[in-house]
Protein backbone atom coordinates (compact mmCIF):
# COMPACT_ATOMS: atom_id res chain seq x y z
CA MET A 1 -32.02 36.13 -21.12
CA THR A 2 -32.74 32.99 -18.80
CA ARG A 3 -31.00 30.50 -20.89
CA GLY A 4 -27.68 32.49 -20.88
CA ALA A 5 -27.89 33.01 -16.81
CA GLY A 6 -28.17 28.99 -16.70
CA ALA A 7 -25.20 28.59 -18.86
CA LEU A 8 -23.32 31.07 -16.85
CA GLU A 9 -24.17 29.06 -13.51
CA CYS A 10 -23.31 25.79 -15.17
CA SER A 11 -19.81 27.03 -16.52
CA PHE A 12 -19.26 28.51 -12.76
CA PHE A 13 -20.02 25.04 -11.08
CA VAL A 14 -17.74 23.05 -13.88
CA SER A 15 -14.92 25.93 -13.07
CA PHE A 16 -15.77 25.31 -9.40
CA LEU A 17 -15.04 21.46 -9.92
CA TYR A 18 -11.68 22.12 -11.69
CA LEU A 19 -10.56 24.36 -9.06
CA ARG A 20 -10.98 21.87 -6.03
CA GLN A 21 -7.85 21.08 -4.76
CA MET A 22 -6.40 17.59 -5.35
CA ILE A 23 -5.22 15.45 -2.63
CA GLU A 24 -1.15 15.75 -2.97
CA LYS A 25 0.90 12.50 -3.73
CA SER A 26 3.60 14.07 -1.28
CA GLU A 27 1.20 14.15 1.85
CA ILE A 28 0.24 10.58 1.35
CA ILE A 29 3.78 9.75 1.09
CA ALA A 30 4.68 11.82 4.26
CA THR A 31 1.82 10.22 6.21
CA THR A 32 2.54 6.80 4.91
CA GLU A 33 6.31 6.78 5.76
CA GLU A 34 5.68 8.36 9.13
CA PHE A 35 3.37 5.61 10.14
CA LEU A 36 5.78 2.99 8.75
CA LYS A 37 9.01 4.17 10.27
CA ASN A 38 9.21 1.74 12.96
CA SER A 39 7.61 -1.23 11.32
CA PRO A 40 8.93 -4.01 9.03
CA ASP A 41 6.60 -2.72 6.17
CA TYR A 42 7.76 -0.13 3.69
CA LEU A 43 6.36 2.08 0.98
CA VAL A 44 6.46 0.79 -2.51
CA ASP A 45 4.50 3.29 -4.46
CA VAL A 46 1.53 5.76 -3.86
CA ILE A 47 -0.73 6.76 -6.90
CA VAL A 48 -3.27 9.65 -6.64
CA ALA A 49 -5.41 9.69 -9.76
CA ALA A 50 -7.08 12.77 -10.69
CA ASP A 51 -10.62 11.74 -9.34
CA ASN A 52 -8.85 11.38 -5.99
CA THR A 53 -8.54 7.56 -5.93
CA ILE A 54 -5.48 6.98 -3.94
CA THR A 55 -3.79 3.82 -4.18
CA VAL A 56 -0.85 2.98 -1.48
CA GLU A 57 1.35 -0.11 -2.07
CA ILE A 58 3.33 -1.54 0.71
CA ASP A 59 5.76 -4.49 0.91
CA ASN A 60 7.57 -6.26 3.71
CA ASP A 61 10.52 -8.65 3.54
CA ASN A 62 8.43 -11.33 5.17
CA GLY A 63 5.13 -10.49 3.43
CA VAL A 64 2.48 -8.05 3.93
CA ASN A 65 -0.16 -8.83 6.78
CA ILE A 66 -4.05 -7.93 5.81
CA ASP A 67 -4.21 -6.20 9.56
CA ASP A 68 -1.25 -3.95 8.65
CA CYS A 69 -3.01 -2.61 5.37
CA VAL A 70 -6.34 -1.88 7.63
CA ARG A 71 -4.10 -0.16 10.15
CA LEU A 72 -2.38 2.13 7.66
CA SER A 73 -5.67 2.85 5.84
CA ARG A 74 -7.41 4.07 9.16
CA HIS A 75 -4.13 6.23 9.80
CA ILE A 76 -4.27 7.91 6.31
CA GLU A 77 -7.95 8.30 6.46
CA SER A 78 -7.34 9.76 10.04
CA LYS A 79 -5.30 12.56 8.12
CA LEU A 80 -7.44 13.56 5.55
CA ASN A 81 -10.58 15.46 5.90
CA ARG A 82 -13.42 14.13 3.39
CA ASP A 83 -15.51 17.22 4.35
CA THR A 84 -12.73 19.19 2.32
CA GLU A 85 -12.27 16.69 -0.13
CA ASP A 86 -13.59 13.35 -1.28
CA PHE A 87 -11.56 10.39 -1.93
CA GLU A 88 -11.17 6.63 -2.34
CA LEU A 89 -8.36 4.87 -0.67
CA THR A 90 -6.91 1.36 -1.07
CA VAL A 91 -3.91 0.04 0.74
CA THR A 92 -2.49 -2.84 -0.64
CA SER A 93 0.44 -5.22 -0.77
CA VAL A 94 2.46 -5.50 -4.02
CA GLY A 95 1.31 -8.23 -6.03
CA LEU A 96 3.58 -11.27 -6.03
CA THR A 97 4.40 -11.05 -9.83
CA SER A 98 4.35 -7.16 -10.04
CA PRO A 99 7.47 -5.55 -11.27
CA PHE A 100 9.75 -4.12 -8.60
CA LYS A 101 9.90 -0.68 -8.20
CA THR A 102 12.15 -0.17 -5.20
CA ARG A 103 15.55 -1.21 -4.46
CA ARG A 104 14.72 -2.80 -1.13
CA GLN A 105 12.38 -5.14 -3.36
CA TYR A 106 15.64 -6.37 -5.26
CA LYS A 107 17.32 -6.92 -1.80
CA LYS A 108 14.12 -8.93 -0.82
CA HIS A 109 14.53 -11.25 -3.74
CA GLU A 110 18.24 -11.84 -3.77
CA GLY A 111 18.90 -15.59 -4.39
CA LYS A 112 15.65 -16.22 -6.18
CA GLU A 113 14.75 -16.57 -9.53
CA VAL A 114 13.64 -13.27 -11.46
CA GLU A 115 12.81 -12.22 -14.83
CA VAL A 116 14.28 -9.19 -16.50
CA LEU A 117 13.23 -7.11 -19.42
CA THR A 118 16.04 -4.84 -20.83
CA ARG A 119 15.11 -1.45 -22.70
CA LYS A 120 16.98 -3.47 -25.55
CA GLY A 121 14.13 -5.92 -25.68
CA GLU A 122 16.24 -8.89 -24.22
CA LYS A 123 14.29 -10.76 -21.80
CA LEU A 124 16.24 -12.95 -19.27
CA LYS A 125 15.39 -15.45 -16.53
CA GLY A 126 17.98 -16.13 -14.02
CA THR A 127 19.09 -15.71 -10.26
CA LEU A 128 19.12 -12.35 -8.87
CA LYS A 129 22.39 -12.48 -7.21
CA PHE A 130 22.84 -9.23 -5.33
CA SER A 131 21.58 -5.60 -5.63
CA THR A 132 23.48 -2.21 -4.87
CA ASP A 133 22.23 1.27 -4.82
CA ASN A 134 23.12 1.86 -8.42
CA ASN A 135 22.94 -1.90 -9.98
CA PHE A 136 22.16 -5.56 -9.74
CA THR A 137 23.57 -8.84 -10.83
CA ILE A 138 21.51 -11.37 -12.21
CA GLU A 139 22.90 -15.02 -12.89
CA VAL A 140 21.89 -16.57 -16.20
CA SER A 141 22.44 -20.15 -17.82
CA LYS A 142 23.22 -20.53 -21.26
CA MET A 143 23.68 -23.48 -23.76
CA VAL A 144 27.08 -23.06 -25.15
CA LYS A 145 28.84 -25.34 -27.71
CA PRO A 146 32.74 -25.48 -26.46
CA GLU A 147 34.98 -25.67 -29.54
CA GLY A 148 35.83 -29.05 -30.81
CA ALA A 149 32.88 -30.67 -28.70
CA LYS A 150 29.84 -32.28 -29.94
CA ARG A 151 27.26 -31.52 -27.44
CA LYS A 152 26.39 -27.95 -25.91
CA THR A 153 27.01 -27.55 -22.07
CA GLU A 154 25.34 -25.14 -19.66
CA VAL A 155 27.38 -22.59 -18.59
CA LYS A 156 26.26 -20.03 -15.97
CA GLU A 157 27.23 -16.31 -16.32
CA GLU A 158 26.55 -13.28 -13.95
CA GLN A 159 25.58 -10.14 -16.16
CA ILE A 160 25.23 -6.79 -14.20
CA TYR A 161 22.64 -4.05 -15.19
CA ASN A 162 22.19 -0.58 -14.04
CA TYR A 163 18.35 -0.05 -12.97
CA ASP A 164 17.76 2.37 -15.74
CA GLU A 165 18.84 -0.19 -18.38
CA VAL A 166 15.76 -2.52 -17.49
CA LYS A 167 12.01 -1.97 -18.34
CA TYR A 168 11.12 -4.27 -15.34
CA THR A 169 12.43 -7.03 -13.02
CA LYS A 170 9.73 -9.33 -11.78
CA TYR A 171 9.79 -12.28 -9.26
CA GLN A 172 9.33 -15.73 -11.18
CA ILE A 173 7.08 -18.20 -9.49
CA ARG A 174 8.09 -21.94 -9.73
CA PHE A 175 5.62 -24.54 -9.06
């Protein structure tokens, strides 16, 4: 009989763990956007894992300062209650070669070299000319042999892509 009671207690404990309330992503987004509304920093992404590991990615058109990450981290922590829900919080800037996740990142990188992988599997490298709410334009260079010519010449061509046509777009670092 004792063995059965122990199993019941264990089962109750496991059920209690699954009934815990997980931190809501929308709560973190709202708290972050509230803090950043008068800042040059902007929210790129919030990830809340099942174990309440929270990652907040921010960016800035001129680069993110570590002090900005610290201030935002303290602000978010002040809005959450560790006694109610334990969590791990990381506030970070977007990696230099991370894929773009927001339209503002496209704006930030206009005029710079990028790499694009389309959903069709085509990989392009070129200059991000401009971006809108619906699409972006990349200028790529191609070697083309004109009719009657002996050698190929470089031709620049602008290509327009809707955001949903690409798997990723990344900034290209040149040394």
